[in-house]
Amino acid sequence: MFAGALAQLLLRPVIAMEGVTTSHPPTRSFQPRRRALPSARAARYGRLMAVWSLSVEGDLFRLDELFPGVDAVVLDIGFGGGEGLIDLAAVRPHEAIIGLDVHTPGVASVLEAIEDNGWQHVRVTEGDVLELLPRIPDGSLAGVRLYFPDPWPKQKQRHRRLARPDVMTQLVDRLRVGGTLHVATDIADYAAQTLAVCAAETRLRGGVVSRPEWRPVTRFERRGLAAGREPIDMIFERIR
């Protein structure tokens, strides 16, 4: 199945780039999924947000102050229900995570895991990565994770995809040399677009890889598998 998906992708780069333009930067890169929380959980959410959340507004982060003694900081974009971020945070305490999403229950789950586990290496933002990126210093991230992003399938929506040249340039700017961009999707067209955009970014090297055993299976991935869609993982390294 993996070989078949790869062959299909290699035939689709031009088609995948149709409708992709930088003439109007996206005003929103996500599909709003805010949902009210039960009162007790909402109260806990509000208390924890005041301690562990990062605002999209403000000066450049001092990552060494946010995460003292931690050398590797990863940006986790669109963590959904939070289970994947939580699983990786549990097994990688040496790796700090800044997670972003607009799914309130998912943000609440991550906040609760921070408190329940006494973690100091995880922060969250409930908002759009395009608004947060100006606060992240260039060359500061060990990794960027983009797992099962909103596919924006309609032609007129493609300018909102994160897999577009101007957004990828910003993400690569913030990777340090040797840092990695890891994209996972079960939308073949989205994967083809990602490959085309990243192939044009001369600071990156990489492409489609076998699914890493360490990447957690998220609920979005399970839904895709149940619908017969095959996950595609792509890893790119910043080489200069």
Protein backbone atom coordinates (compact mmCIF):
# COMPACT_ATOMS: atom_id res chain seq x y z
CA MET A 1 0.00 0.00 0.00
CA PHE A 2 2.84 2.39 0.86
CA ALA A 3 4.52 1.92 -2.54
CA GLY A 4 1.21 2.43 -4.32
CA ALA A 5 0.51 5.66 -2.47
CA LEU A 6 4.00 6.95 -3.23
CA ALA A 7 3.63 6.19 -6.93
CA GLN A 8 0.32 8.00 -6.98
CA LEU A 9 1.83 11.07 -5.33
CA LEU A 10 4.69 11.29 -7.81
CA LEU A 11 2.16 11.63 -10.63
CA ARG A 12 0.24 14.47 -9.00
CA PRO A 13 2.53 17.43 -8.15
CA VAL A 14 1.21 19.81 -10.84
CA ILE A 15 -2.42 19.01 -10.09
CA ALA A 16 -1.79 19.46 -6.37
CA MET A 17 -0.44 22.99 -6.87
CA GLU A 18 -3.48 24.21 -8.81
CA GLY A 19 -5.17 26.98 -6.87
CA VAL A 20 -2.17 27.47 -4.59
CA THR A 21 -1.17 31.12 -4.58
CA THR A 22 0.53 33.55 -2.24
CA SER A 23 -1.42 36.54 -3.50
CA HIS A 24 -3.79 36.49 -0.53
CA PRO A 25 -2.33 35.07 2.70
CA PRO A 26 -4.86 32.92 4.58
CA THR A 27 -6.85 34.66 7.26
CA ARG A 28 -7.50 31.32 8.93
CA SER A 29 -5.65 28.03 8.55
CA PHE A 30 -8.04 25.96 10.62
CA GLN A 31 -11.65 24.86 10.78
CA PRO A 32 -13.17 26.27 14.01
CA ARG A 33 -14.09 23.45 16.40
CA ARG A 34 -14.78 25.29 19.63
CA ARG A 35 -17.24 23.55 21.94
CA ALA A 36 -18.52 24.45 25.37
CA LEU A 37 -17.07 22.53 28.32
CA PRO A 38 -19.03 21.31 31.36
CA SER A 39 -18.91 23.92 34.11
CA ALA A 40 -16.39 22.13 36.36
CA ARG A 41 -14.08 21.39 33.45
CA ALA A 42 -14.48 24.94 32.14
CA ALA A 43 -13.37 26.32 35.50
CA ARG A 44 -10.28 24.11 35.49
CA TYR A 45 -9.61 25.06 31.89
CA GLY A 46 -9.69 28.76 32.72
CA ARG A 47 -7.37 28.30 35.69
CA LEU A 48 -4.84 26.25 33.72
CA MET A 49 -4.93 28.52 30.67
CA ALA A 50 -3.84 31.38 32.89
CA VAL A 51 -0.70 29.41 33.83
CA TRP A 52 0.27 27.27 30.84
CA SER A 53 -0.98 29.06 27.73
CA LEU A 54 0.98 31.30 25.39
CA SER A 55 -0.63 34.32 23.75
CA VAL A 56 -0.31 34.95 20.02
CA GLU A 57 0.45 38.57 20.88
CA GLY A 58 3.69 39.85 22.35
CA ASP A 59 7.43 40.00 21.88
CA LEU A 60 9.70 37.20 20.71
CA PHE A 61 9.73 34.21 23.02
CA ARG A 62 12.81 33.54 25.09
CA LEU A 63 12.62 29.78 24.73
CA ASP A 64 15.47 29.26 27.19
CA GLU A 65 13.36 31.04 29.80
CA LEU A 66 10.14 29.25 28.89
CA PHE A 67 11.83 25.86 29.05
CA PRO A 68 14.94 26.09 31.26
CA GLY A 69 17.46 23.34 30.64
CA VAL A 70 15.66 22.00 27.56
CA ASP A 71 17.55 22.21 24.29
CA ALA A 72 14.96 20.86 21.85
CA VAL A 73 11.67 22.72 21.30
CA VAL A 74 9.02 21.36 18.94
CA LEU A 75 6.02 23.18 17.49
CA ASP A 76 2.97 20.88 17.32
CA ILE A 77 0.43 22.45 14.96
CA GLY A 78 -3.20 21.35 15.20
CA PHE A 79 -3.00 18.63 17.84
CA GLY A 80 -6.75 17.97 17.72
CA GLY A 81 -7.92 15.91 20.68
CA GLY A 82 -4.45 16.14 22.20
CA GLU A 83 -3.79 12.41 22.56
CA GLY A 84 -0.79 12.41 20.23
CA LEU A 85 0.84 15.39 21.90
CA ILE A 86 0.22 13.89 25.34
CA ASP A 87 1.70 10.53 24.37
CA LEU A 88 4.87 12.13 22.98
CA ALA A 89 5.21 14.50 25.94
CA ALA A 90 5.09 11.53 28.29
CA VAL A 91 7.92 9.64 26.60
CA ARG A 92 10.05 12.66 25.64
CA PRO A 93 10.50 14.79 28.76
CA HIS A 94 13.75 16.16 27.28
CA GLU A 95 11.79 17.74 24.42
CA ALA A 96 9.69 20.86 25.00
CA ILE A 97 6.43 21.23 23.08
CA ILE A 98 4.45 24.29 22.05
CA GLY A 99 1.09 22.95 20.94
CA LEU A 100 -1.56 24.88 19.01
CA ASP A 101 -5.18 24.13 18.32
CA VAL A 102 -8.64 25.70 18.39
CA HIS A 103 -10.48 22.58 19.56
CA THR A 104 -11.30 23.61 23.12
CA PRO A 105 -11.81 20.07 24.53
CA GLY A 106 -8.46 19.05 23.04
CA VAL A 107 -6.72 22.07 24.54
CA ALA A 108 -8.38 21.25 27.87
CA SER A 109 -7.10 17.66 27.68
CA VAL A 110 -3.52 18.84 27.18
CA LEU A 111 -3.80 21.35 30.02
CA GLU A 112 -5.15 18.65 32.32
CA ALA A 113 -2.27 16.34 31.37
CA ILE A 114 0.22 19.11 32.17
CA GLU A 115 -1.21 19.50 35.66
CA ASP A 116 -1.82 15.80 36.33
CA ASN A 117 1.74 14.87 35.35
CA GLY A 118 3.50 17.90 36.77
CA TRP A 119 4.98 18.71 33.36
CA GLN A 120 7.10 21.81 32.87
CA HIS A 121 7.95 21.14 29.22
CA VAL A 122 4.58 21.74 27.52
CA ARG A 123 2.76 24.98 26.67
CA VAL A 124 -0.39 25.51 24.60
CA THR A 125 -1.92 28.19 22.44
CA GLU A 126 -5.58 28.23 21.51
CA GLY A 127 -5.27 30.00 18.20
CA ASP A 128 -3.80 30.02 14.71
CA VAL A 129 -0.16 29.20 14.08
CA LEU A 130 0.04 32.02 11.53
CA GLU A 131 -0.59 34.46 14.37
CA LEU A 132 1.91 32.80 16.72
CA LEU A 133 4.84 32.43 14.31
CA PRO A 134 6.01 36.06 14.67
CA ARG A 135 6.77 35.30 18.33
CA ILE A 136 9.03 32.32 17.57
CA PRO A 137 12.68 33.22 16.89
CA ASP A 138 14.27 32.16 13.62
CA GLY A 139 16.44 29.07 13.84
CA SER A 140 15.09 28.10 17.26
CA LEU A 141 12.99 24.96 16.73
CA ALA A 142 14.20 21.36 16.70
CA GLY A 143 11.02 20.27 14.97
CA VAL A 144 7.64 21.17 13.53
CA ARG A 145 4.83 18.59 13.57
CA LEU A 146 1.80 18.90 11.35
CA TYR A 147 -0.33 15.80 11.78
CA PHE A 148 -3.56 15.47 9.80
CA PRO A 149 -4.15 19.17 9.14
CA ASP A 150 -7.43 20.54 7.85
CA PRO A 151 -7.40 19.51 4.17
CA TRP A 152 -9.49 22.42 2.85
CA PRO A 153 -10.52 20.18 -0.08
CA LYS A 154 -12.35 22.69 -2.28
CA GLN A 155 -10.39 24.52 -4.96
CA LYS A 156 -11.39 27.92 -3.58
CA GLN A 157 -10.17 26.90 -0.09
CA ARG A 158 -6.66 25.81 -1.00
CA HIS A 159 -5.14 29.18 -0.18
CA ARG A 160 -5.95 28.35 3.47
CA ARG A 161 -3.82 25.20 3.52
CA LEU A 162 -0.63 25.34 5.55
CA ALA A 163 1.17 23.44 2.76
CA ARG A 164 1.78 26.57 0.70
CA PRO A 165 5.06 28.29 -0.15
CA ASP A 166 4.79 31.41 2.00
CA VAL A 167 3.76 29.46 5.11
CA MET A 168 6.41 26.77 4.61
CA THR A 169 9.04 29.49 4.26
CA GLN A 170 8.04 30.85 7.66
CA LEU A 171 8.15 27.40 9.24
CA VAL A 172 11.56 26.59 7.76
CA ASP A 173 12.88 29.98 8.91
CA ARG A 174 12.13 28.92 12.48
CA LEU A 175 13.73 25.48 12.22
CA ARG A 176 17.34 25.26 13.24
CA VAL A 177 19.77 23.54 10.90
CA GLY A 178 19.22 19.82 11.47
CA GLY A 179 15.65 20.44 12.61
CA THR A 180 12.82 18.49 11.01
CA LEU A 181 9.40 19.16 9.55
CA HIS A 182 7.12 16.12 9.91
CA VAL A 183 3.82 16.16 8.02
CA ALA A 184 1.30 13.33 8.18
CA THR A 185 -1.93 13.27 6.19
CA ASP A 186 -4.33 10.77 4.70
CA ILE A 187 -5.34 13.12 1.88
CA ALA A 188 -3.23 12.19 -1.16
CA ASP A 189 -3.72 15.58 -2.78
CA TYR A 190 -2.53 17.35 0.38
CA ALA A 191 0.54 15.12 0.52
CA ALA A 192 1.32 15.82 -3.14
CA GLN A 193 1.05 19.55 -2.51
CA THR A 194 3.33 19.26 0.52
CA LEU A 195 5.93 17.39 -1.52
CA ALA A 196 5.80 19.97 -4.31
CA VAL A 197 6.15 22.93 -1.94
CA CYS A 198 8.95 21.35 0.10
CA ALA A 199 10.83 20.26 -3.04
CA ALA A 200 10.98 23.93 -4.04
CA GLU A 201 12.39 24.94 -0.64
CA THR A 202 16.15 24.61 -1.14
CA ARG A 203 16.86 24.50 2.59
CA LEU A 204 14.96 21.24 2.97
CA ARG A 205 15.88 17.65 2.17
CA GLY A 206 13.53 14.69 2.53
CA GLY A 207 10.22 13.28 1.42
CA VAL A 208 7.84 10.37 1.99
CA VAL A 209 8.91 7.88 4.66
CA SER A 210 7.45 4.73 6.16
CA ARG A 211 5.22 5.53 9.10
CA PRO A 212 7.50 6.04 12.12
CA GLU A 213 6.66 3.57 14.87
CA TRP A 214 6.99 6.32 17.47
CA ARG A 215 4.27 8.54 15.96
CA PRO A 216 1.07 8.05 17.99
CA VAL A 217 -2.13 7.08 16.21
CA THR A 218 -4.65 9.89 16.62
CA ARG A 219 -8.43 9.75 16.42
CA PHE A 220 -8.29 11.56 13.07
CA GLU A 221 -5.99 8.88 11.71
CA ARG A 222 -8.30 6.14 12.97
CA ARG A 223 -11.26 7.78 11.23
CA GLY A 224 -9.31 7.88 7.99
CA LEU A 225 -8.27 4.25 8.30
CA ALA A 226 -11.88 3.27 8.94
CA ALA A 227 -12.83 5.14 5.77
CA GLY A 228 -10.11 3.36 3.79
CA ARG A 229 -7.64 6.24 3.59
CA GLU A 230 -3.93 5.46 3.89
CA PRO A 231 -1.76 7.72 6.10
CA ILE A 232 1.25 9.28 4.39
CA ASP A 233 4.21 10.51 6.44
CA MET A 234 6.75 13.00 5.10
CA ILE A 235 9.85 14.15 6.96
CA PHE A 236 12.09 16.96 5.81
CA GLU A 237 15.34 18.17 7.41
CA ARG A 238 16.62 21.71 7.26
CA ILE A 239 20.12 21.34 5.81
CA ARG A 240 21.28 24.95 5.74
